[in-house]
Amino acid sequence: QVQLVESGGGAVQPGESLRLSCEVSGTIVSGSLVAWLRQTPGKARDFVAHIRSDGSTDYSDSVKGRFTISRDNAQNTGYLQMNNLKPEDTAVYYCGMPPYWGRGTQVTVSS
């Protein structure tokens, strides 16, 4: 069993930054992919980014150039650095090592 806990969400103004963390515990398969999704009320979860065991990454077009995903395997922690936040980034952000997912952290971007 794998447990994931997100943290670092909050309320910020447009243009500001946040860094989300994802602490992973339990029986971890070395090299598992780490992913971030986000969800707004009434909509399905959308892909944000993922990072593979070799460090290669993919991003959704909406966050490319603004968000950076990373991982610290020694600390069993994943990160999502979010810069130049926009109101449309407002969502609950979930991290996961599929098929396991955390409970999410709220990010609100508003002036």
PDB file of N, CA and C in Angstrom:
ATOM      1  N   GLN A   1       0.843  -1.192   0.000  1.00  0.00           N
ATOM      2  CA  GLN A   1       0.000   0.000   0.000  1.00  0.00           C
ATOM      3  C   GLN A   1       0.881   1.245   0.000  1.00  0.00           C
ATOM      4  N   VAL A   2       0.472   2.234  -0.751  1.00  0.00           N
ATOM      5  CA  VAL A   2       1.204   3.497  -0.863  1.00  0.00           C
ATOM      6  C   VAL A   2       0.298   4.626  -0.391  1.00  0.00           C
ATOM      7  N   GLN A   3       0.830   5.505   0.422  1.00  0.00           N
ATOM      8  CA  GLN A   3       0.085   6.681   0.870  1.00  0.00           C
ATOM      9  C   GLN A   3       0.780   7.936   0.345  1.00  0.00           C
ATOM     10  N   LEU A   4      -0.014   8.890  -0.093  1.00  0.00           N
ATOM     11  CA  LEU A   4       0.505  10.161  -0.593  1.00  0.00           C
ATOM     12  C   LEU A   4      -0.232  11.306   0.091  1.00  0.00           C
ATOM     13  N   VAL A   5       0.518  12.303   0.515  1.00  0.00           N
ATOM     14  CA  VAL A   5      -0.064  13.466   1.176  1.00  0.00           C
ATOM     15  C   VAL A   5       0.469  14.723   0.517  1.00  0.00           C
ATOM     16  N   GLU A   6      -0.448  15.509  -0.045  1.00  0.00           N
ATOM     17  CA  GLU A   6      -0.071  16.774  -0.671  1.00  0.00           C
ATOM     18  C   GLU A   6      -0.076  17.898   0.358  1.00  0.00           C
ATOM     19  N   SER A   7       0.754  18.895   0.133  1.00  0.00           N
ATOM     20  CA  SER A   7       0.760  20.096   0.965  1.00  0.00           C
ATOM     21  C   SER A   7       1.275  21.265   0.124  1.00  0.00           C
ATOM     22  N   GLY A   8       1.111  22.462   0.664  1.00  0.00           N
ATOM     23  CA  GLY A   8       1.639  23.644  -0.004  1.00  0.00           C
ATOM     24  C   GLY A   8       0.619  24.470  -0.745  1.00  0.00           C
ATOM     25  N   GLY A   9      -0.618  24.013  -0.775  1.00  0.00           N
ATOM     26  CA  GLY A   9      -1.652  24.801  -1.433  1.00  0.00           C
ATOM     27  C   GLY A   9      -1.989  26.047  -0.644  1.00  0.00           C
ATOM     28  N   GLY A  10      -2.757  26.921  -1.254  1.00  0.00           N
ATOM     29  CA  GLY A  10      -3.164  28.138  -0.578  1.00  0.00           C
ATOM     30  C   GLY A  10      -3.811  29.110  -1.537  1.00  0.00           C
ATOM     31  N   ALA A  11      -4.009  30.324  -1.055  1.00  0.00           N
ATOM     32  CA  ALA A  11      -4.621  31.381  -1.842  1.00  0.00           C
ATOM     33  C   ALA A  11      -3.566  32.419  -2.204  1.00  0.00           C
ATOM     34  N   VAL A  12      -3.420  32.710  -3.479  1.00  0.00           N
ATOM     35  CA  VAL A  12      -2.433  33.684  -3.941  1.00  0.00           C
ATOM     36  C   VAL A  12      -3.062  34.580  -4.993  1.00  0.00           C
ATOM     37  N   GLN A  13      -2.341  35.634  -5.335  1.00  0.00           N
ATOM     38  CA  GLN A  13      -2.793  36.544  -6.380  1.00  0.00           C
ATOM     39  C   GLN A  13      -2.182  36.134  -7.724  1.00  0.00           C
ATOM     40  N   PRO A  14      -2.814  36.553  -8.810  1.00  0.00           N
ATOM     41  CA  PRO A  14      -2.238  36.247 -10.132  1.00  0.00           C
ATOM     42  C   PRO A  14      -0.807  36.725 -10.238  1.00  0.00           C
ATOM     43  N   GLY A  15       0.025  35.889 -10.844  1.00  0.00           N
ATOM     44  CA  GLY A  15       1.433  36.210 -11.006  1.00  0.00           C
ATOM     45  C   GLY A  15       2.328  35.672  -9.904  1.00  0.00           C
ATOM     46  N   GLU A  16       1.724  35.277  -8.816  1.00  0.00           N
ATOM     47  CA  GLU A  16       2.516  34.751  -7.699  1.00  0.00           C
ATOM     48  C   GLU A  16       2.836  33.270  -7.904  1.00  0.00           C
ATOM     49  N   SER A  17       3.584  32.708  -6.945  1.00  0.00           N
ATOM     50  CA  SER A  17       4.051  31.329  -7.060  1.00  0.00           C
ATOM     51  C   SER A  17       3.646  30.506  -5.848  1.00  0.00           C
ATOM     52  N   LEU A  18       3.567  29.209  -6.052  1.00  0.00           N
ATOM     53  CA  LEU A  18       3.380  28.243  -4.984  1.00  0.00           C
ATOM     54  C   LEU A  18       4.209  27.004  -5.303  1.00  0.00           C
ATOM     55  N   ARG A  19       4.612  26.306  -4.259  1.00  0.00           N
ATOM     56  CA  ARG A  19       5.310  25.033  -4.435  1.00  0.00           C
ATOM     57  C   ARG A  19       4.536  23.961  -3.690  1.00  0.00           C
ATOM     58  N   LEU A  20       4.015  23.009  -4.432  1.00  0.00           N
ATOM     59  CA  LEU A  20       3.305  21.898  -3.831  1.00  0.00           C
ATOM     60  C   LEU A  20       4.279  20.761  -3.558  1.00  0.00           C
ATOM     61  N   SER A  21       4.044  20.067  -2.449  1.00  0.00           N
ATOM     62  CA  SER A  21       4.840  18.906  -2.101  1.00  0.00           C
ATOM     63  C   SER A  21       3.949  17.681  -2.022  1.00  0.00           C
ATOM     64  N   CYS A  22       4.557  16.536  -2.242  1.00  0.00           N
ATOM     65  CA  CYS A  22       3.827  15.264  -2.189  1.00  0.00           C
ATOM     66  C   CYS A  22       4.708  14.261  -1.466  1.00  0.00           C
ATOM     67  N   GLU A  23       4.362  13.988  -0.211  1.00  0.00           N
ATOM     68  CA  GLU A  23       5.122  13.030   0.571  1.00  0.00           C
ATOM     69  C   GLU A  23       4.558  11.632   0.365  1.00  0.00           C
ATOM     70  N   VAL A  24       5.439  10.704   0.055  1.00  0.00           N
ATOM     71  CA  VAL A  24       5.030   9.341  -0.270  1.00  0.00           C
ATOM     72  C   VAL A  24       5.549   8.384   0.802  1.00  0.00           C
ATOM     73  N   SER A  25       4.696   7.500   1.262  1.00  0.00           N
ATOM     74  CA  SER A  25       5.110   6.500   2.233  1.00  0.00           C
ATOM     75  C   SER A  25       4.483   5.156   1.872  1.00  0.00           C
ATOM     76  N   GLY A  26       4.982   4.118   2.507  1.00  0.00           N
ATOM     77  CA  GLY A  26       4.461   2.793   2.231  1.00  0.00           C
ATOM     78  C   GLY A  26       5.426   2.000   1.370  1.00  0.00           C
ATOM     79  N   THR A  27       4.906   1.002   0.731  1.00  0.00           N
ATOM     80  CA  THR A  27       5.716   0.136  -0.110  1.00  0.00           C
ATOM     81  C   THR A  27       5.840   0.769  -1.488  1.00  0.00           C
ATOM     82  N   ILE A  28       6.976   1.386  -1.721  1.00  0.00           N
ATOM     83  CA  ILE A  28       7.171   2.144  -2.947  1.00  0.00           C
ATOM     84  C   ILE A  28       7.987   1.330  -3.931  1.00  0.00           C
ATOM     85  N   VAL A  29       7.483   1.237  -5.117  1.00  0.00           N
ATOM     86  CA  VAL A  29       8.223   0.574  -6.177  1.00  0.00           C
ATOM     87  C   VAL A  29       9.212   1.565  -6.768  1.00  0.00           C
ATOM     88  N   SER A  30      10.458   1.209  -6.669  1.00  0.00           N
ATOM     89  CA  SER A  30      11.493   2.109  -7.168  1.00  0.00           C
ATOM     90  C   SER A  30      11.245   2.456  -8.624  1.00  0.00           C
ATOM     91  N   GLY A  31      11.328   3.746  -8.910  1.00  0.00           N
ATOM     92  CA  GLY A  31      11.165   4.167 -10.283  1.00  0.00           C
ATOM     93  C   GLY A  31       9.746   4.424 -10.712  1.00  0.00           C
ATOM     94  N   SER A  32       8.797   4.427  -9.782  1.00  0.00           N
ATOM     95  CA  SER A  32       7.415   4.692 -10.163  1.00  0.00           C
ATOM     96  C   SER A  32       7.264   6.107 -10.689  1.00  0.00           C
ATOM     97  N   LEU A  33       6.343   6.255 -11.630  1.00  0.00           N
ATOM     98  CA  LEU A  33       6.042   7.578 -12.165  1.00  0.00           C
ATOM     99  C   LEU A  33       5.296   8.389 -11.115  1.00  0.00           C
ATOM    100  N   VAL A  34       5.590   9.682 -11.026  1.00  0.00           N
ATOM    101  CA  VAL A  34       4.888  10.603 -10.142  1.00  0.00           C
ATOM    102  C   VAL A  34       4.129  11.592 -11.016  1.00  0.00           C
ATOM    103  N   ALA A  35       2.860  11.756 -10.715  1.00  0.00           N
ATOM    104  CA  ALA A  35       2.015  12.609 -11.547  1.00  0.00           C
ATOM    105  C   ALA A  35       1.246  13.606 -10.705  1.00  0.00           C
ATOM    106  N   TRP A  36       0.869  14.705 -11.320  1.00  0.00           N
ATOM    107  CA  TRP A  36      -0.025  15.700 -10.722  1.00  0.00           C
ATOM    108  C   TRP A  36      -1.217  15.890 -11.663  1.00  0.00           C
ATOM    109  N   LEU A  37      -2.396  15.857 -11.045  1.00  0.00           N
ATOM    110  CA  LEU A  37      -3.635  16.172 -11.742  1.00  0.00           C
ATOM    111  C   LEU A  37      -4.306  17.316 -10.989  1.00  0.00           C
ATOM    112  N   ARG A  38      -5.277  17.963 -11.612  1.00  0.00           N
ATOM    113  CA  ARG A  38      -6.054  18.975 -10.916  1.00  0.00           C
ATOM    114  C   ARG A  38      -7.512  18.871 -11.323  1.00  0.00           C
ATOM    115  N   GLN A  39      -8.365  19.352 -10.425  1.00  0.00           N
ATOM    116  CA  GLN A  39      -9.803  19.208 -10.644  1.00  0.00           C
ATOM    117  C   GLN A  39     -10.533  20.437 -10.128  1.00  0.00           C
ATOM    118  N   THR A  40     -11.473  20.916 -10.940  1.00  0.00           N
ATOM    119  CA  THR A  40     -12.371  21.988 -10.516  1.00  0.00           C
ATOM    120  C   THR A  40     -13.757  21.391 -10.356  1.00  0.00           C
ATOM    121  N   PRO A  41     -14.614  22.049  -9.561  1.00  0.00           N
ATOM    122  CA  PRO A  41     -15.943  21.491  -9.277  1.00  0.00           C
ATOM    123  C   PRO A  41     -16.734  21.165 -10.538  1.00  0.00           C
ATOM    124  N   GLY A  42     -17.286  19.969 -10.558  1.00  0.00           N
ATOM    125  CA  GLY A  42     -18.124  19.556 -11.663  1.00  0.00           C
ATOM    126  C   GLY A  42     -17.385  19.057 -12.883  1.00  0.00           C
ATOM    127  N   LYS A  43     -16.057  19.019 -12.800  1.00  0.00           N
ATOM    128  CA  LYS A  43     -15.271  18.575 -13.958  1.00  0.00           C
ATOM    129  C   LYS A  43     -14.400  17.383 -13.586  1.00  0.00           C
ATOM    130  N   ALA A  44     -13.967  16.665 -14.595  1.00  0.00           N
ATOM    131  CA  ALA A  44     -13.058  15.547 -14.367  1.00  0.00           C
ATOM    132  C   ALA A  44     -11.661  16.068 -14.045  1.00  0.00           C
ATOM    133  N   ARG A  45     -10.861  15.202 -13.479  1.00  0.00           N
ATOM    134  CA  ARG A  45      -9.478  15.583 -13.199  1.00  0.00           C
ATOM    135  C   ARG A  45      -8.709  15.731 -14.499  1.00  0.00           C
ATOM    136  N   ASP A  46      -7.905  16.775 -14.568  1.00  0.00           N
ATOM    137  CA  ASP A  46      -7.094  17.053 -15.753  1.00  0.00           C
ATOM    138  C   ASP A  46      -5.625  16.795 -15.462  1.00  0.00           C
ATOM    139  N   PHE A  47      -4.934  16.297 -16.452  1.00  0.00           N
ATOM    140  CA  PHE A  47      -3.498  16.081 -16.341  1.00  0.00           C
ATOM    141  C   PHE A  47      -2.771  17.416 -16.236  1.00  0.00           C
ATOM    142  N   VAL A  48      -1.805  17.471 -15.326  1.00  0.00           N
ATOM    143  CA  VAL A  48      -0.961  18.663 -15.184  1.00  0.00           C
ATOM    144  C   VAL A  48       0.466  18.341 -15.626  1.00  0.00           C
ATOM    145  N   ALA A  49       1.060  17.328 -14.994  1.00  0.00           N
ATOM    146  CA  ALA A  49       2.447  16.976 -15.308  1.00  0.00           C
ATOM    147  C   ALA A  49       2.752  15.614 -14.725  1.00  0.00           C
ATOM    148  N   HIS A  50       3.806  14.980 -15.288  1.00  0.00           N
ATOM    149  CA  HIS A  50       4.343  13.792 -14.651  1.00  0.00           C
ATOM    150  C   HIS A  50       5.833  13.708 -14.905  1.00  0.00           C
ATOM    151  N   ILE A  51       6.477  12.931 -14.029  1.00  0.00           N
ATOM    152  CA  ILE A  51       7.919  12.744 -14.127  1.00  0.00           C
ATOM    153  C   ILE A  51       8.217  11.257 -13.986  1.00  0.00           C
ATOM    154  N   ARG A  52       9.021  10.752 -14.895  1.00  0.00           N
ATOM    155  CA  ARG A  52       9.349   9.339 -14.897  1.00  0.00           C
ATOM    156  C   ARG A  52      10.592   9.088 -14.052  1.00  0.00           C
ATOM    157  N   SER A  53      10.921   7.824 -13.880  1.00  0.00           N
ATOM    158  CA  SER A  53      12.065   7.458 -13.050  1.00  0.00           C
ATOM    159  C   SER A  53      13.371   7.976 -13.625  1.00  0.00           C
ATOM    160  N   ASP A  54      13.407   8.179 -14.940  1.00  0.00           N
ATOM    161  CA  ASP A  54      14.647   8.679 -15.551  1.00  0.00           C
ATOM    162  C   ASP A  54      14.724  10.198 -15.530  1.00  0.00           C
ATOM    163  N   GLY A  55      13.716  10.828 -14.924  1.00  0.00           N
ATOM    164  CA  GLY A  55      13.708  12.281 -14.819  1.00  0.00           C
ATOM    165  C   GLY A  55      13.045  12.997 -15.976  1.00  0.00           C
ATOM    166  N   SER A  56      12.636  12.268 -16.976  1.00  0.00           N
ATOM    167  CA  SER A  56      11.955  12.912 -18.095  1.00  0.00           C
ATOM    168  C   SER A  56      10.559  13.350 -17.668  1.00  0.00           C
ATOM    169  N   THR A  57      10.094  14.426 -18.266  1.00  0.00           N
ATOM    170  CA  THR A  57       8.836  15.043 -17.830  1.00  0.00           C
ATOM    171  C   THR A  57       7.915  15.340 -19.004  1.00  0.00           C
ATOM    172  N   ASP A  58       6.643  15.451 -18.691  1.00  0.00           N
ATOM    173  CA  ASP A  58       5.639  15.926 -19.631  1.00  0.00           C
ATOM    174  C   ASP A  58       4.722  16.894 -18.901  1.00  0.00           C
ATOM    175  N   TYR A  59       4.240  17.886 -19.641  1.00  0.00           N
ATOM    176  CA  TYR A  59       3.346  18.889 -19.064  1.00  0.00           C
ATOM    177  C   TYR A  59       2.141  19.100 -19.978  1.00  0.00           C
ATOM    178  N   SER A  60       1.044  19.517 -19.365  1.00  0.00           N
ATOM    179  CA  SER A  60      -0.075  19.948 -20.184  1.00  0.00           C
ATOM    180  C   SER A  60       0.300  21.276 -20.837  1.00  0.00           C
ATOM    181  N   ASP A  61      -0.298  21.557 -21.965  1.00  0.00           N
ATOM    182  CA  ASP A  61       0.017  22.804 -22.669  1.00  0.00           C
ATOM    183  C   ASP A  61      -0.316  24.027 -21.814  1.00  0.00           C
ATOM    184  N   SER A  62      -1.324  23.906 -20.960  1.00  0.00           N
ATOM    185  CA  SER A  62      -1.767  25.063 -20.183  1.00  0.00           C
ATOM    186  C   SER A  62      -0.777  25.473 -19.105  1.00  0.00           C
ATOM    187  N   VAL A  63       0.130  24.582 -18.713  1.00  0.00           N
ATOM    188  CA  VAL A  63       1.077  24.923 -17.649  1.00  0.00           C
ATOM    189  C   VAL A  63       2.524  24.916 -18.123  1.00  0.00           C
ATOM    190  N   LYS A  64       2.746  24.472 -19.343  1.00  0.00           N
ATOM    191  CA  LYS A  64       4.109  24.372 -19.862  1.00  0.00           C
ATOM    192  C   LYS A  64       4.782  25.739 -19.809  1.00  0.00           C
ATOM    193  N   GLY A  65       6.004  25.767 -19.281  1.00  0.00           N
ATOM    194  CA  GLY A  65       6.740  27.014 -19.170  1.00  0.00           C
ATOM    195  C   GLY A  65       6.504  27.758 -17.867  1.00  0.00           C
ATOM    196  N   ARG A  66       5.481  27.350 -17.121  1.00  0.00           N
ATOM    197  CA  ARG A  66       5.179  28.002 -15.843  1.00  0.00           C
ATOM    198  C   ARG A  66       5.352  27.053 -14.664  1.00  0.00           C
ATOM    199  N   PHE A  67       5.050  25.786 -14.870  1.00  0.00           N
ATOM    200  CA  PHE A  67       5.141  24.790 -13.798  1.00  0.00           C
ATOM    201  C   PHE A  67       6.357  23.900 -14.037  1.00  0.00           C
ATOM    202  N   THR A  68       6.946  23.447 -12.930  1.00  0.00           N
ATOM    203  CA  THR A  68       8.068  22.514 -13.008  1.00  0.00           C
ATOM    204  C   THR A  68       7.839  21.378 -12.022  1.00  0.00           C
ATOM    205  N   ILE A  69       7.870  20.163 -12.528  1.00  0.00           N
ATOM    206  CA  ILE A  69       7.720  18.989 -11.673  1.00  0.00           C
ATOM    207  C   ILE A  69       9.096  18.426 -11.363  1.00  0.00           C
ATOM    208  N   SER A  70       9.264  17.938 -10.147  1.00  0.00           N
ATOM    209  CA  SER A  70      10.537  17.343  -9.761  1.00  0.00           C
ATOM    210  C   SER A  70      10.271  16.274  -8.708  1.00  0.00           C
ATOM    211  N   ARG A  71      11.320  15.531  -8.390  1.00  0.00           N
ATOM    212  CA  ARG A  71      11.185  14.485  -7.390  1.00  0.00           C
ATOM    213  C   ARG A  71      12.504  14.318  -6.656  1.00  0.00           C
ATOM    214  N   ASP A  72      12.393  13.953  -5.393  1.00  0.00           N
ATOM    215  CA  ASP A  72      13.561  13.644  -4.567  1.00  0.00           C
ATOM    216  C   ASP A  72      13.374  12.209  -4.102  1.00  0.00           C
ATOM    217  N   ASN A  73      13.993  11.276  -4.794  1.00  0.00           N
ATOM    218  CA  ASN A  73      13.779   9.868  -4.485  1.00  0.00           C
ATOM    219  C   ASN A  73      14.284   9.512  -3.093  1.00  0.00           C
ATOM    220  N   ALA A  74      15.348  10.157  -2.660  1.00  0.00           N
ATOM    221  CA  ALA A  74      15.892   9.859  -1.334  1.00  0.00           C
ATOM    222  C   ALA A  74      14.917  10.253  -0.231  1.00  0.00           C
ATOM    223  N   GLN A  75      14.159  11.323  -0.475  1.00  0.00           N
ATOM    224  CA  GLN A  75      13.189  11.806   0.506  1.00  0.00           C
ATOM    225  C   GLN A  75      11.776  11.314   0.226  1.00  0.00           C
ATOM    226  N   ASN A  76      11.618  10.513  -0.823  1.00  0.00           N
ATOM    227  CA  ASN A  76      10.282  10.024  -1.213  1.00  0.00           C
ATOM    228  C   ASN A  76       9.282  11.166  -1.329  1.00  0.00           C
ATOM    229  N   THR A  77       9.700  12.226  -1.979  1.00  0.00           N
ATOM    230  CA  THR A  77       8.865  13.417  -2.096  1.00  0.00           C
ATOM    231  C   THR A  77       8.861  13.922  -3.530  1.00  0.00           C
ATOM    232  N   GLY A  78       7.696  14.321  -3.976  1.00  0.00           N
ATOM    233  CA  GLY A  78       7.561  14.955  -5.271  1.00  0.00           C
ATOM    234  C   GLY A  78       7.184  16.411  -5.094  1.00  0.00           C
ATOM    235  N   TYR A  79       7.473  17.210  -6.102  1.00  0.00           N
ATOM    236  CA  TYR A  79       7.199  18.639  -6.012  1.00  0.00           C
ATOM    237  C   TYR A  79       6.568  19.146  -7.309  1.00  0.00           C
ATOM    238  N   LEU A  80       5.804  20.215  -7.156  1.00  0.00           N
ATOM    239  CA  LEU A  80       5.286  20.926  -8.313  1.00  0.00           C
ATOM    240  C   LEU A  80       5.470  22.412  -8.039  1.00  0.00           C
ATOM    241  N   GLN A  81       6.457  23.008  -8.690  1.00  0.00           N
ATOM    242  CA  GLN A  81       6.697  24.440  -8.577  1.00  0.00           C
ATOM    243  C   GLN A  81       5.812  25.148  -9.589  1.00  0.00           C
ATOM    244  N   MET A  82       4.977  26.044  -9.094  1.00  0.00           N
ATOM    245  CA  MET A  82       4.017  26.731  -9.948  1.00  0.00           C
ATOM    246  C   MET A  82       4.309  28.223  -9.925  1.00  0.00           C
ATOM    247  N   ASN A  83       4.723  28.753 -11.057  1.00  0.00           N
ATOM    248  CA  ASN A  83       5.048  30.179 -11.177  1.00  0.00           C
ATOM    249  C   ASN A  83       4.036  30.885 -12.067  1.00  0.00           C
ATOM    250  N   ASN A  84       3.976  32.201 -11.930  1.00  0.00           N
ATOM    251  CA  ASN A  84       3.085  33.012 -12.757  1.00  0.00           C
ATOM    252  C   ASN A  84       1.673  32.423 -12.771  1.00  0.00           C
ATOM    253  N   LEU A  85       1.155  32.177 -11.583  1.00  0.00           N
ATOM    254  CA  LEU A  85      -0.156  31.555 -11.470  1.00  0.00           C
ATOM    255  C   LEU A  85      -1.252  32.445 -12.039  1.00  0.00           C
ATOM    256  N   LYS A  86      -2.248  31.784 -12.617  1.00  0.00           N
ATOM    257  CA  LYS A  86      -3.381  32.472 -13.232  1.00  0.00           C
ATOM    258  C   LYS A  86      -4.675  32.023 -12.560  1.00  0.00           C
ATOM    259  N   PRO A  87      -5.724  32.819 -12.640  1.00  0.00           N
ATOM    260  CA  PRO A  87      -6.998  32.407 -12.037  1.00  0.00           C
ATOM    261  C   PRO A  87      -7.472  31.041 -12.535  1.00  0.00           C
ATOM    262  N   GLU A  88      -7.195  30.718 -13.778  1.00  0.00           N
ATOM    263  CA  GLU A  88      -7.624  29.422 -14.319  1.00  0.00           C
ATOM    264  C   GLU A  88      -6.840  28.242 -13.761  1.00  0.00           C
ATOM    265  N   ASP A  89      -5.803  28.512 -12.973  1.00  0.00           N
ATOM    266  CA  ASP A  89      -5.079  27.445 -12.286  1.00  0.00           C
ATOM    267  C   ASP A  89      -5.775  27.044 -10.989  1.00  0.00           C
ATOM    268  N   THR A  90      -6.798  27.780 -10.600  1.00  0.00           N
ATOM    269  CA  THR A  90      -7.542  27.455  -9.389  1.00  0.00           C
ATOM    270  C   THR A  90      -8.150  26.067  -9.504  1.00  0.00           C
ATOM    271  N   ALA A  91      -7.831  25.198  -8.538  1.00  0.00           N
ATOM    272  CA  ALA A  91      -8.288  23.809  -8.571  1.00  0.00           C
ATOM    273  C   ALA A  91      -7.794  23.092  -7.325  1.00  0.00           C
ATOM    274  N   VAL A  92      -8.276  21.888  -7.132  1.00  0.00           N
ATOM    275  CA  VAL A  92      -7.677  20.970  -6.165  1.00  0.00           C
ATOM    276  C   VAL A  92      -6.622  20.176  -6.915  1.00  0.00           C
ATOM    277  N   TYR A  93      -5.419  20.163  -6.378  1.00  0.00           N
ATOM    278  CA  TYR A  93      -4.302  19.475  -7.019  1.00  0.00           C
ATOM    279  C   TYR A  93      -4.032  18.153  -6.308  1.00  0.00           C
ATOM    280  N   TYR A  94      -3.918  17.098  -7.099  1.00  0.00           N
ATOM    281  CA  TYR A  94      -3.687  15.763  -6.577  1.00  0.00           C
ATOM    282  C   TYR A  94      -2.359  15.226  -7.101  1.00  0.00           C
ATOM    283  N   CYS A  95      -1.605  14.603  -6.206  1.00  0.00           N
ATOM    284  CA  CYS A  95      -0.415  13.896  -6.678  1.00  0.00           C
ATOM    285  C   CYS A  95      -0.680  12.404  -6.598  1.00  0.00           C
ATOM    286  N   GLY A  96       0.033  11.670  -7.419  1.00  0.00           N
ATOM    287  CA  GLY A  96      -0.195  10.242  -7.467  1.00  0.00           C
ATOM    288  C   GLY A  96       0.976   9.460  -7.992  1.00  0.00           C
ATOM    289  N   MET A  97       1.000   8.219  -7.571  1.00  0.00           N
ATOM    290  CA  MET A  97       1.854   7.188  -8.159  1.00  0.00           C
ATOM    291  C   MET A  97       0.865   6.111  -8.579  1.00  0.00           C
ATOM    292  N   PRO A  98       0.303   6.264  -9.777  1.00  0.00           N
ATOM    293  CA  PRO A  98      -0.807   5.400 -10.183  1.00  0.00           C
ATOM    294  C   PRO A  98      -0.572   3.934  -9.864  1.00  0.00           C
ATOM    295  N   PRO A  99      -1.562   3.282  -9.239  1.00  0.00           N
ATOM    296  CA  PRO A  99      -2.960   3.692  -9.079  1.00  0.00           C
ATOM    297  C   PRO A  99      -3.266   4.425  -7.778  1.00  0.00           C
ATOM    298  N   TYR A 100      -2.242   4.850  -7.045  1.00  0.00           N
ATOM    299  CA  TYR A 100      -2.454   5.491  -5.757  1.00  0.00           C
ATOM    300  C   TYR A 100      -2.447   7.005  -5.907  1.00  0.00           C
ATOM    301  N   TRP A 101      -3.364   7.660  -5.170  1.00  0.00           N
ATOM    302  CA  TRP A 101      -3.501   9.106  -5.229  1.00  0.00           C
ATOM    303  C   TRP A 101      -3.720   9.684  -3.850  1.00  0.00           C
ATOM    304  N   GLY A 102      -3.246  10.929  -3.663  1.00  0.00           N
ATOM    305  CA  GLY A 102      -3.500  11.630  -2.424  1.00  0.00           C
ATOM    306  C   GLY A 102      -4.892  12.223  -2.397  1.00  0.00           C
ATOM    307  N   ARG A 103      -5.176  12.971  -1.330  1.00  0.00           N
ATOM    308  CA  ARG A 103      -6.505  13.557  -1.157  1.00  0.00           C
ATOM    309  C   ARG A 103      -6.600  14.972  -1.711  1.00  0.00           C
ATOM    310  N   GLY A 104      -5.490  15.528  -2.112  1.00  0.00           N
ATOM    311  CA  GLY A 104      -5.516  16.817  -2.782  1.00  0.00           C
ATOM    312  C   GLY A 104      -5.240  17.999  -1.884  1.00  0.00           C
ATOM    313  N   THR A 105      -4.824  19.097  -2.509  1.00  0.00           N
ATOM    314  CA  THR A 105      -4.609  20.363  -1.814  1.00  0.00           C
ATOM    315  C   THR A 105      -5.179  21.475  -2.686  1.00  0.00           C
ATOM    316  N   GLN A 106      -5.884  22.415  -2.045  1.00  0.00           N
ATOM    317  CA  GLN A 106      -6.575  23.469  -2.781  1.00  0.00           C
ATOM    318  C   GLN A 106      -5.609  24.593  -3.155  1.00  0.00           C
ATOM    319  N   VAL A 107      -5.681  25.002  -4.393  1.00  0.00           N
ATOM    320  CA  VAL A 107      -4.952  26.175  -4.881  1.00  0.00           C
ATOM    321  C   VAL A 107      -5.980  27.163  -5.410  1.00  0.00           C
ATOM    322  N   THR A 108      -5.938  28.374  -4.890  1.00  0.00           N
ATOM    323  CA  THR A 108      -6.865  29.414  -5.327  1.00  0.00           C
ATOM    324  C   THR A 108      -6.066  30.629  -5.781  1.00  0.00           C
ATOM    325  N   VAL A 109      -6.322  31.051  -7.002  1.00  0.00           N
ATOM    326  CA  VAL A 109      -5.627  32.210  -7.571  1.00  0.00           C
ATOM    327  C   VAL A 109      -6.673  33.269  -7.884  1.00  0.00           C
ATOM    328  N   SER A 110      -6.600  34.367  -7.152  1.00  0.00           N
ATOM    329  CA  SER A 110      -7.624  35.394  -7.287  1.00  0.00           C
ATOM    330  C   SER A 110      -7.065  36.739  -6.863  1.00  0.00           C
ATOM    331  N   SER A 111      -7.525  37.786  -7.536  1.00  0.00           N
ATOM    332  CA  SER A 111      -7.119  39.122  -7.130  1.00  0.00           C
ATOM    333  C   SER A 111      -8.134  39.714  -6.167  1.00  0.00           C
TER     334      SER A 111
END
